[in-house]
Structures are given as C-alpha cells and as structure tokens.
Amino acid sequence: MTCDRCDEAARQGCRFCPKCGEPLDACTMCAEYASKGYEYCGRCGRNLKEPEKKEDFIVEKTVFITVICVAVMLVIEAITMLWYSADTYSFLSDRSISMILLLPTMVTVGTLDGVALQLFWIFIVVAIIASCIVIAYQSRTILDKNSPNFIPRIRTTPVYWIALFFGAYLILSIVISAIEGALGYSIVIPEDLPTGVSPESIFSFADAAVWEEIISRMIPIGIPMAIVAGLCGRRDCLKFLFGGFGVTRVALVLIVVSGIIFGMAHEGAWGSSKIIPTIIGGLLMGYLYVRFGIHASIVFHFLLDYSAVITEVIGHELFSFIFILVAITGFVAVAGVFKYMKEGVSHIRGMPVWIFEKEPEPDHEESSDSSLD
C-alpha cells in the first residue's frame, strides 16, 4: 500500500485509492517475497526481477520538470504578495468590496470596507501562505530521490497534480481560445481588471484565489459532503468542509456541478468565450479540493491568477522562458490527464457512493500469518 488511505479503501472493496490513486487489486505479497530474494511472487506469480519500463513513467518524469517551474513560480508569487502586503493593507483602508456568493448565480451578500477589509486581507495572506506550506510539507518526498519507487511516488504528492493540471490547463486554454477565435469569438477583458504590480492587483488576484475557492468549492462541495458525512454518523463531519475526503460518486457529481457554476459565473465579466476554459479549471480545482483539500485548490488558483502579477516582477523574458517550458511539457500533461481520466472512469463502479467510512479499530485478536518462514 502506498499511503495511509489505501488500507481503508481496500477494506471497503474499492479498486483504487482516493488519495494516492494507486490500484488496490495488486498482490500484497509481492514485496514480502521480493524481500526474501525470490524471483517470482508465491501468491500471484509475478516476475519480481522484471525491470520497470522507462515508458511507464514518461508522464511523471516529464511533469517533474513542470513541478520545478511551478515551485519557482509559487515562491516568486508568495514573496511578491508578502513584499507588497503592507502597501496593500494601507491601500485598503479607504476602499470597499462587495462580497458575493454563487447561489448558483452571483449574489451580493454585503460589503467590506475599512478595518474589516484590512482584516480580510490579513486572512487572505495567511490562508495562501499556510496553503503553500502545507503543500510543501505534503510533497516533501519529491526531495528524496534515493527513496524506493521515487518516480511512482511523485504522483502521490499534491504538487505533482498541481503541476500536471497547470501544464494541461495552459495547453487546453490555448487550444480552446484558438478554436473560438477561428469561429469569431474572443474573450472580453474587463475594463476594470487591475494590471501590473499595484496594491489593487495584489489584493484582487489573491482575493480571487481564496474567496472564490470558498464559494466555489467549500460551499457547493464541502457543505453537502459534510451533511452527508453527518447523516452517515461521522463525528468528524465538519472536517469535510475543508476537502481531502476522497473521491466518491456523490463527490464527482458535486465537482461537475460546481465546475459548471464556476464557469458560468465568469460569463458576465469575460464573455461567453471564457465559460469553457473556466469550467475546465473549475473541474481541476474541484478534484484537487476533494482529493487533497482546499489548500491544494487555493494554491492552484493562486498560481494561475498571480502569473499576471509576477510578469513585471521577473521580467517578460524570464516569464516567457518559464511559460514556454511549461507549454512544452504541457502536451504530455494533457495526455496524462486524459490517461488518468480514462482510468478513473473505469474505477467509478468501485467507488463508494457517499463517503469513505472511518477506519475501523484494529482487531487485536486477529493473528497475522502474512510473514514467510
């Protein structure tokens, strides 16, 4: 088993792990026989000496390049936000913003101004930095290249999926925009969209990364799943608000619904050409939210939106170099996304309908006979 959720999912009859994505129908005795020096597994008969094929991990190896680019971009974006946070805090002292919810259309529920808006800015900064720290901690295994099964373990980390989705989303957005442009449609850039390194843009793009994830992922996905968990008797049901509960059939439906709502909400300001790319982005962020938690979707959203800010910070030349590098690996990322989607569809029947049950207490009376003499 690859992660701490594999055993739980296997006991529930699932054919894949909702956390790391590894198949659960693999033989559990292969590692035991291999450690004893056997050439074949005594249970399933698999050749334990057969070398791994390089092409098996071409997606992981290619996306690892994007992981490096994403890590660099996130560090630059976080430093940029922190560097201008004090100026932004002062800027917000005499500003006000409307607070919106998606119900499912955009509804204004109030305004924030003055000290309340400044405190909201502090909350946003803390949420983004904390999310980046959690992602770094959960992805720390990619720093140990000498660990067993290093390449396969890369895909169990959230930073791998963020990088995979980032590269794939970039390519898909370019292709969709080209097709829509050929058909006479184009994205309308809002006139009031902030640009450059200004307090307004520093705040607006960070605000979108946090608040839009709350209203687009936590409310339409987290709250229903928390209610379901409560009805199923889970005492920790409130934890479901923050995501990371695993992919179930109900969660998949909520991901699709929230993604469509998220895309449609951007039509008013950006035009109809923005709908399809934004729906795709919403689906990707919904998956990150369900599998890893809201910190993963916040980091992905922040990575996308703050790209517009750091262009002036690092210069157009360096940004273009990173952009081209990600675009090149993005074609493999697209293939990887469709590969994982195909595998996921085949596993839908093996998913729990509602939620994963809480891991049962270990049976101390059960004796273990898995070791070899």
Protein backbone atom coordinates (compact mmCIF):
# COMPACT_ATOMS: atom_id res chain seq x y z
CA MET A 1 0.00 0.00 0.00
CA THR A 2 1.29 3.44 -0.93
CA CYS A 3 -0.41 5.81 1.54
CA ASP A 4 -2.37 5.79 4.80
CA ARG A 5 -5.73 5.68 2.96
CA CYS A 6 -5.01 2.56 0.86
CA ASP A 7 -5.84 0.02 3.60
CA GLU A 8 -9.09 1.79 4.43
CA ALA A 9 -10.19 1.90 0.79
CA ALA A 10 -9.22 -1.75 0.22
CA ARG A 11 -11.32 -2.88 3.19
CA GLN A 12 -14.31 -1.11 1.65
CA GLY A 13 -13.90 -3.03 -1.59
CA CYS A 14 -12.59 -0.13 -3.67
CA ARG A 15 -10.39 -0.87 -6.64
CA PHE A 16 -8.27 2.26 -6.31
CA CYS A 17 -7.17 4.60 -3.53
CA PRO A 18 -8.96 8.00 -3.50
CA LYS A 19 -5.91 9.73 -2.01
CA CYS A 20 -2.90 8.44 -3.96
CA GLY A 21 -4.71 6.86 -6.92
CA GLU A 22 -2.86 3.55 -6.69
CA PRO A 23 -4.73 0.37 -7.71
CA LEU A 24 -5.76 -1.74 -4.73
CA ASP A 25 -6.13 -5.05 -6.53
CA ALA A 26 -2.36 -5.55 -6.68
CA CYS A 27 -0.88 -8.52 -4.85
CA THR A 28 0.05 -7.67 -1.26
CA MET A 29 2.65 -10.45 -1.01
CA CYS A 30 4.96 -9.33 -3.84
CA ALA A 31 7.05 -7.08 -1.59
CA GLU A 32 7.32 -9.84 1.03
CA TYR A 33 8.61 -12.39 -1.48
CA ALA A 34 10.94 -9.82 -3.08
CA SER A 35 12.49 -9.01 0.31
CA LYS A 36 13.29 -12.71 0.72
CA GLY A 37 15.11 -12.77 -2.63
CA TYR A 38 12.54 -14.76 -4.58
CA GLU A 39 12.39 -14.28 -8.35
CA TYR A 40 8.63 -14.82 -8.54
CA CYS A 41 5.79 -14.00 -6.15
CA GLY A 42 4.46 -17.13 -4.44
CA ARG A 43 0.90 -15.79 -4.48
CA CYS A 44 0.37 -14.11 -7.89
CA GLY A 45 3.37 -15.47 -9.80
CA ARG A 46 4.56 -12.04 -10.99
CA ASN A 47 8.19 -11.83 -12.10
CA LEU A 48 9.81 -9.81 -9.31
CA LYS A 49 13.06 -9.34 -11.23
CA GLU A 50 11.44 -7.78 -14.29
CA PRO A 51 12.84 -4.24 -14.70
CA GLU A 52 10.47 -1.32 -14.85
CA LYS A 53 9.90 0.06 -18.32
CA LYS A 54 11.01 3.63 -18.82
CA GLU A 55 7.90 4.45 -20.82
CA ASP A 56 5.72 3.51 -17.84
CA PHE A 57 6.67 6.76 -16.10
CA ILE A 58 7.08 9.14 -19.03
CA VAL A 59 4.25 11.37 -17.72
CA GLU A 60 5.72 11.53 -14.22
CA LYS A 61 9.23 12.30 -15.45
CA THR A 62 8.02 14.99 -17.84
CA VAL A 63 5.68 16.61 -15.33
CA PHE A 64 8.54 16.69 -12.83
CA ILE A 65 10.02 19.47 -15.00
CA THR A 66 6.76 21.38 -14.58
CA VAL A 67 6.93 20.72 -10.83
CA ILE A 68 10.20 22.65 -10.71
CA CYS A 69 8.70 25.53 -12.71
CA VAL A 70 5.60 25.58 -10.51
CA ALA A 71 7.70 25.59 -7.34
CA VAL A 72 9.76 28.53 -8.61
CA MET A 73 6.65 30.45 -9.66
CA LEU A 74 4.92 29.83 -6.33
CA VAL A 75 7.94 31.07 -4.38
CA ILE A 76 8.13 34.23 -6.51
CA GLU A 77 4.38 34.83 -6.27
CA ALA A 78 4.33 34.34 -2.49
CA ILE A 79 7.31 36.67 -2.00
CA THR A 80 5.69 39.27 -4.26
CA MET A 81 2.44 39.15 -2.30
CA LEU A 82 4.27 39.44 1.03
CA TRP A 83 6.56 42.21 -0.26
CA TYR A 84 3.59 44.42 -1.18
CA SER A 85 1.27 43.26 1.62
CA ALA A 86 1.93 46.31 3.82
CA ASP A 87 1.25 48.74 0.95
CA THR A 88 -1.89 46.79 0.08
CA TYR A 89 -3.02 46.90 3.72
CA SER A 90 -2.75 50.70 3.72
CA PHE A 91 -4.41 50.93 0.30
CA LEU A 92 -7.49 49.08 1.58
CA SER A 93 -8.10 51.50 4.45
CA ASP A 94 -10.43 53.66 2.34
CA ARG A 95 -11.67 51.01 -0.11
CA SER A 96 -14.69 48.70 -0.13
CA ILE A 97 -15.56 45.48 -1.93
CA SER A 98 -18.76 43.52 -2.47
CA MET A 99 -18.90 40.02 -1.02
CA ILE A 100 -20.58 37.58 -3.39
CA LEU A 101 -21.89 34.03 -3.25
CA LEU A 102 -22.81 31.64 -6.07
CA LEU A 103 -26.41 30.53 -5.44
CA PRO A 104 -25.93 29.42 -8.28
CA THR A 105 -25.76 32.87 -9.89
CA MET A 106 -23.69 35.61 -8.29
CA VAL A 107 -25.49 37.23 -5.35
CA THR A 108 -24.10 40.14 -3.35
CA VAL A 109 -24.46 39.42 0.37
CA GLY A 110 -22.75 42.52 1.78
CA THR A 111 -19.73 44.77 1.62
CA LEU A 112 -16.41 45.02 3.42
CA ASP A 113 -14.59 48.28 3.99
CA GLY A 114 -12.11 49.97 6.31
CA VAL A 115 -10.71 47.84 9.13
CA ALA A 116 -12.90 44.86 8.21
CA LEU A 117 -11.42 44.83 4.71
CA GLN A 118 -7.89 45.12 6.11
CA LEU A 119 -8.52 42.17 8.42
CA PHE A 120 -9.90 40.24 5.46
CA TRP A 121 -6.64 40.95 3.62
CA ILE A 122 -4.65 39.51 6.53
CA PHE A 123 -6.87 36.40 6.40
CA ILE A 124 -6.21 36.02 2.66
CA VAL A 125 -2.42 36.31 3.06
CA VAL A 126 -2.38 33.82 5.94
CA ALA A 127 -4.59 31.38 4.01
CA ILE A 128 -2.35 31.45 0.93
CA ILE A 129 0.94 31.16 2.81
CA ALA A 130 -0.43 28.40 5.03
CA SER A 131 -1.70 26.54 1.95
CA CYS A 132 1.71 26.75 0.30
CA ILE A 133 3.41 25.46 3.46
CA VAL A 134 1.01 22.50 3.72
CA ILE A 135 1.55 21.65 0.04
CA ALA A 136 5.33 21.79 0.53
CA TYR A 137 5.09 19.52 3.57
CA GLN A 138 2.81 17.00 1.88
CA SER A 139 5.09 16.94 -1.19
CA ARG A 140 8.38 16.66 0.71
CA THR A 141 9.01 13.13 -0.59
CA ILE A 142 9.99 14.51 -4.01
CA LEU A 143 13.18 15.83 -2.42
CA ASP A 144 14.37 12.32 -1.58
CA LYS A 145 15.46 10.96 -4.94
CA ASN A 146 17.09 7.97 -3.25
CA SER A 147 13.83 6.69 -1.79
CA PRO A 148 12.37 3.44 -3.17
CA ASN A 149 9.97 3.85 -6.09
CA PHE A 150 10.82 7.55 -6.31
CA ILE A 151 9.17 8.15 -9.70
CA PRO A 152 5.86 6.39 -8.88
CA ARG A 153 5.68 8.18 -5.53
CA ILE A 154 5.83 11.57 -7.25
CA ARG A 155 2.24 11.20 -8.42
CA THR A 156 1.01 10.74 -4.83
CA THR A 157 2.03 14.32 -3.96
CA PRO A 158 -0.28 17.33 -4.37
CA VAL A 159 2.43 19.40 -6.07
CA TYR A 160 2.61 16.79 -8.85
CA TRP A 161 -1.12 17.11 -9.55
CA ILE A 162 -0.98 20.89 -9.34
CA ALA A 163 1.85 20.90 -11.88
CA LEU A 164 0.10 18.32 -14.08
CA PHE A 165 -3.11 20.34 -14.11
CA PHE A 166 -1.26 23.62 -14.60
CA GLY A 167 0.50 22.38 -17.74
CA ALA A 168 -2.61 20.70 -19.10
CA TYR A 169 -4.82 23.72 -18.40
CA LEU A 170 -2.36 26.02 -20.15
CA ILE A 171 -2.40 23.93 -23.33
CA LEU A 172 -6.16 23.34 -23.29
CA SER A 173 -6.81 27.06 -22.79
CA ILE A 174 -4.59 27.93 -25.75
CA VAL A 175 -6.26 25.34 -27.99
CA ILE A 176 -9.80 26.35 -26.96
CA SER A 177 -9.03 30.05 -27.42
CA ALA A 178 -7.61 29.35 -30.89
CA ILE A 179 -10.71 27.39 -31.89
CA GLU A 180 -13.07 30.05 -30.52
CA GLY A 181 -11.02 32.77 -32.23
CA ALA A 182 -11.31 30.94 -35.55
CA LEU A 183 -15.08 30.85 -35.03
CA GLY A 184 -15.19 34.58 -34.37
CA TYR A 185 -15.39 34.50 -30.59
CA SER A 186 -12.90 36.14 -28.25
CA ILE A 187 -12.52 36.70 -24.53
CA VAL A 188 -13.55 40.17 -23.39
CA ILE A 189 -11.03 41.63 -20.94
CA PRO A 190 -12.93 43.51 -18.19
CA GLU A 191 -12.17 47.24 -18.27
CA ASP A 192 -11.70 47.37 -14.50
CA LEU A 193 -9.30 44.39 -14.38
CA PRO A 194 -6.20 45.50 -12.41
CA THR A 195 -2.83 45.07 -14.08
CA GLY A 196 0.81 45.25 -13.08
CA VAL A 197 2.25 45.30 -9.59
CA SER A 198 -0.24 47.57 -7.86
CA PRO A 199 -2.00 47.27 -4.49
CA GLU A 200 -5.26 46.70 -6.35
CA SER A 201 -3.92 43.79 -8.39
CA ILE A 202 -2.00 42.36 -5.41
CA PHE A 203 -5.28 42.23 -3.49
CA SER A 204 -7.70 41.29 -6.28
CA PHE A 205 -5.88 38.20 -7.54
CA ALA A 206 -5.13 36.93 -4.03
CA ASP A 207 -8.74 37.56 -3.04
CA ALA A 208 -9.92 35.50 -6.02
CA ALA A 209 -7.64 32.60 -5.07
CA VAL A 210 -9.12 32.34 -1.58
CA TRP A 211 -12.68 33.65 -1.69
CA GLU A 212 -13.59 32.00 -4.99
CA GLU A 213 -12.40 28.67 -3.60
CA ILE A 214 -14.61 29.15 -0.55
CA ILE A 215 -17.74 29.96 -2.57
CA SER A 216 -16.99 27.61 -5.49
CA ARG A 217 -15.56 24.57 -3.72
CA MET A 218 -16.19 24.69 0.04
CA ILE A 219 -19.84 25.78 -0.18
CA PRO A 220 -21.15 23.67 -3.12
CA ILE A 221 -18.98 20.60 -2.43
CA GLY A 222 -17.80 20.72 1.18
CA ILE A 223 -21.08 21.61 2.85
CA PRO A 224 -23.15 18.88 1.09
CA MET A 225 -20.43 16.31 1.80
CA ALA A 226 -20.28 17.40 5.45
CA ILE A 227 -24.04 16.95 5.72
CA VAL A 228 -23.81 13.52 4.11
CA ALA A 229 -20.99 12.56 6.48
CA GLY A 230 -23.08 13.69 9.45
CA LEU A 231 -26.06 11.64 8.27
CA CYS A 232 -23.72 8.66 7.90
CA GLY A 233 -22.71 9.00 11.53
CA ARG A 234 -19.29 10.56 11.09
CA ARG A 235 -18.44 12.63 14.17
CA ASP A 236 -15.67 14.36 12.23
CA CYS A 237 -18.13 15.52 9.55
CA LEU A 238 -17.05 19.17 9.88
CA LYS A 239 -13.62 18.20 8.52
CA PHE A 240 -15.33 17.50 5.21
CA LEU A 241 -15.76 21.26 4.75
CA PHE A 242 -12.03 21.53 4.06
CA GLY A 243 -11.96 18.76 1.46
CA GLY A 244 -9.48 15.91 1.24
CA PHE A 245 -12.18 13.30 1.95
CA GLY A 246 -11.57 11.25 -1.20
CA VAL A 247 -13.36 10.76 -4.49
CA THR A 248 -16.80 9.17 -4.27
CA ARG A 249 -19.68 9.09 -6.73
CA VAL A 250 -21.52 11.89 -4.93
CA ALA A 251 -18.32 13.95 -4.80
CA LEU A 252 -17.87 13.51 -8.56
CA VAL A 253 -21.37 14.87 -9.21
CA LEU A 254 -20.68 17.87 -6.95
CA ILE A 255 -17.35 18.51 -8.72
CA VAL A 256 -19.12 18.66 -12.10
CA VAL A 257 -21.98 20.85 -10.83
CA SER A 258 -19.67 23.28 -9.05
CA GLY A 259 -17.37 23.43 -12.10
CA ILE A 260 -20.25 24.37 -14.38
CA ILE A 261 -21.49 27.02 -11.93
CA PHE A 262 -17.95 28.38 -11.61
CA GLY A 263 -17.61 28.67 -15.38
CA MET A 264 -21.00 30.27 -15.95
CA ALA A 265 -20.30 32.85 -13.23
CA HIS A 266 -17.45 34.28 -15.35
CA GLU A 267 -19.61 34.93 -18.42
CA GLY A 268 -20.86 38.34 -17.28
CA ALA A 269 -17.43 39.94 -16.98
CA TRP A 270 -15.43 37.94 -19.53
CA GLY A 271 -17.94 36.93 -22.19
CA SER A 272 -19.12 33.51 -23.33
CA SER A 273 -15.66 32.51 -24.59
CA LYS A 274 -14.45 32.32 -21.00
CA ILE A 275 -17.04 29.70 -19.99
CA ILE A 276 -15.42 26.50 -21.31
CA PRO A 277 -11.84 27.21 -20.09
CA THR A 278 -13.18 28.26 -16.70
CA ILE A 279 -15.35 25.15 -16.40
CA ILE A 280 -12.25 23.05 -17.09
CA GLY A 281 -10.34 24.99 -14.45
CA GLY A 282 -13.24 24.53 -12.03
CA LEU A 283 -13.24 20.76 -12.58
CA LEU A 284 -9.49 20.57 -11.97
CA MET A 285 -9.69 22.64 -8.79
CA GLY A 286 -12.69 20.62 -7.64
CA TYR A 287 -10.66 17.42 -7.96
CA LEU A 288 -7.75 18.95 -6.04
CA TYR A 289 -10.18 20.05 -3.31
CA VAL A 290 -11.80 16.63 -2.99
CA ARG A 291 -8.61 14.60 -3.13
CA PHE A 292 -6.15 16.76 -1.17
CA GLY A 293 -8.10 19.61 0.46
CA ILE A 294 -8.95 23.26 -0.05
CA HIS A 295 -5.29 24.25 0.40
CA ALA A 296 -4.47 22.47 -2.88
CA SER A 297 -7.20 24.25 -4.87
CA ILE A 298 -6.19 27.60 -3.33
CA VAL A 299 -2.56 27.09 -4.37
CA PHE A 300 -3.58 26.13 -7.91
CA HIS A 301 -5.89 29.15 -8.18
CA PHE A 302 -3.19 31.43 -6.76
CA LEU A 303 -0.62 30.01 -9.18
CA LEU A 304 -2.87 30.77 -12.16
CA ASP A 305 -4.05 34.25 -11.18
CA TYR A 306 -0.77 35.62 -9.85
CA SER A 307 1.01 34.74 -13.08
CA ALA A 308 -0.31 38.08 -14.34
CA VAL A 309 1.35 39.86 -11.41
CA ILE A 310 4.83 38.32 -11.49
CA THR A 311 5.31 39.05 -15.19
CA GLU A 312 6.51 42.53 -14.29
CA VAL A 313 8.43 41.28 -11.26
CA ILE A 314 10.70 38.79 -13.03
CA GLY A 315 10.56 40.38 -16.47
CA HIS A 316 8.86 39.28 -19.66
CA GLU A 317 11.92 37.36 -20.89
CA LEU A 318 12.21 35.08 -17.87
CA PHE A 319 8.46 34.66 -17.61
CA SER A 320 8.29 33.74 -21.31
CA PHE A 321 11.02 31.14 -20.79
CA ILE A 322 9.09 29.51 -17.92
CA PHE A 323 5.86 29.77 -19.92
CA ILE A 324 7.39 28.04 -22.96
CA LEU A 325 8.94 25.32 -20.78
CA VAL A 326 5.61 24.60 -19.12
CA ALA A 327 3.86 24.68 -22.51
CA ILE A 328 6.25 22.09 -23.95
CA THR A 329 5.68 19.70 -21.06
CA GLY A 330 2.00 20.63 -21.11
CA PHE A 331 1.31 18.41 -24.12
CA VAL A 332 2.44 15.40 -22.10
CA ALA A 333 0.40 16.73 -19.17
CA VAL A 334 -2.74 16.78 -21.34
CA ALA A 335 -2.09 13.17 -22.34
CA GLY A 336 -1.56 12.32 -18.68
CA VAL A 337 -4.82 13.96 -17.62
CA PHE A 338 -6.80 12.03 -20.23
CA LYS A 339 -5.00 8.84 -19.21
CA TYR A 340 -5.94 9.33 -15.56
CA MET A 341 -9.50 10.26 -16.56
CA LYS A 342 -9.82 7.03 -18.54
CA GLU A 343 -8.54 5.02 -15.60
CA GLY A 344 -10.83 6.93 -13.24
CA VAL A 345 -13.93 6.22 -15.31
CA SER A 346 -13.14 2.50 -15.20
CA HIS A 347 -12.98 2.72 -11.39
CA ILE A 348 -16.30 4.54 -10.86
CA ARG A 349 -18.15 1.32 -10.05
CA GLY A 350 -15.58 0.57 -7.37
CA MET A 351 -16.09 3.92 -5.65
CA PRO A 352 -18.22 4.35 -2.54
CA VAL A 353 -21.50 6.09 -3.36
CA TRP A 354 -21.47 8.55 -0.46
CA ILE A 355 -18.34 8.71 1.71
CA PHE A 356 -15.45 6.56 2.84
CA GLU A 357 -16.24 5.00 6.17
CA LYS A 358 -13.99 5.84 9.10
CA GLU A 359 -11.14 3.39 9.52
CA PRO A 360 -12.23 0.67 11.96
CA GLU A 361 -10.36 -0.14 15.14
CA PRO A 362 -7.72 -2.85 14.64
CA ASP A 363 -8.75 -6.36 15.67
CA HIS A 364 -6.19 -7.41 18.24
CA GLU A 365 -7.48 -10.99 18.29
CA GLU A 366 -6.70 -11.47 14.61
CA SER A 367 -3.37 -13.18 14.15
CA SER A 368 -1.07 -12.25 11.32
CA ASP A 369 0.19 -15.06 9.08
CA SER A 370 1.48 -12.96 6.21
CA SER A 371 5.16 -13.44 7.00
CA LEU A 372 7.15 -16.13 5.25
CA ASP A 373 9.08 -18.81 7.04
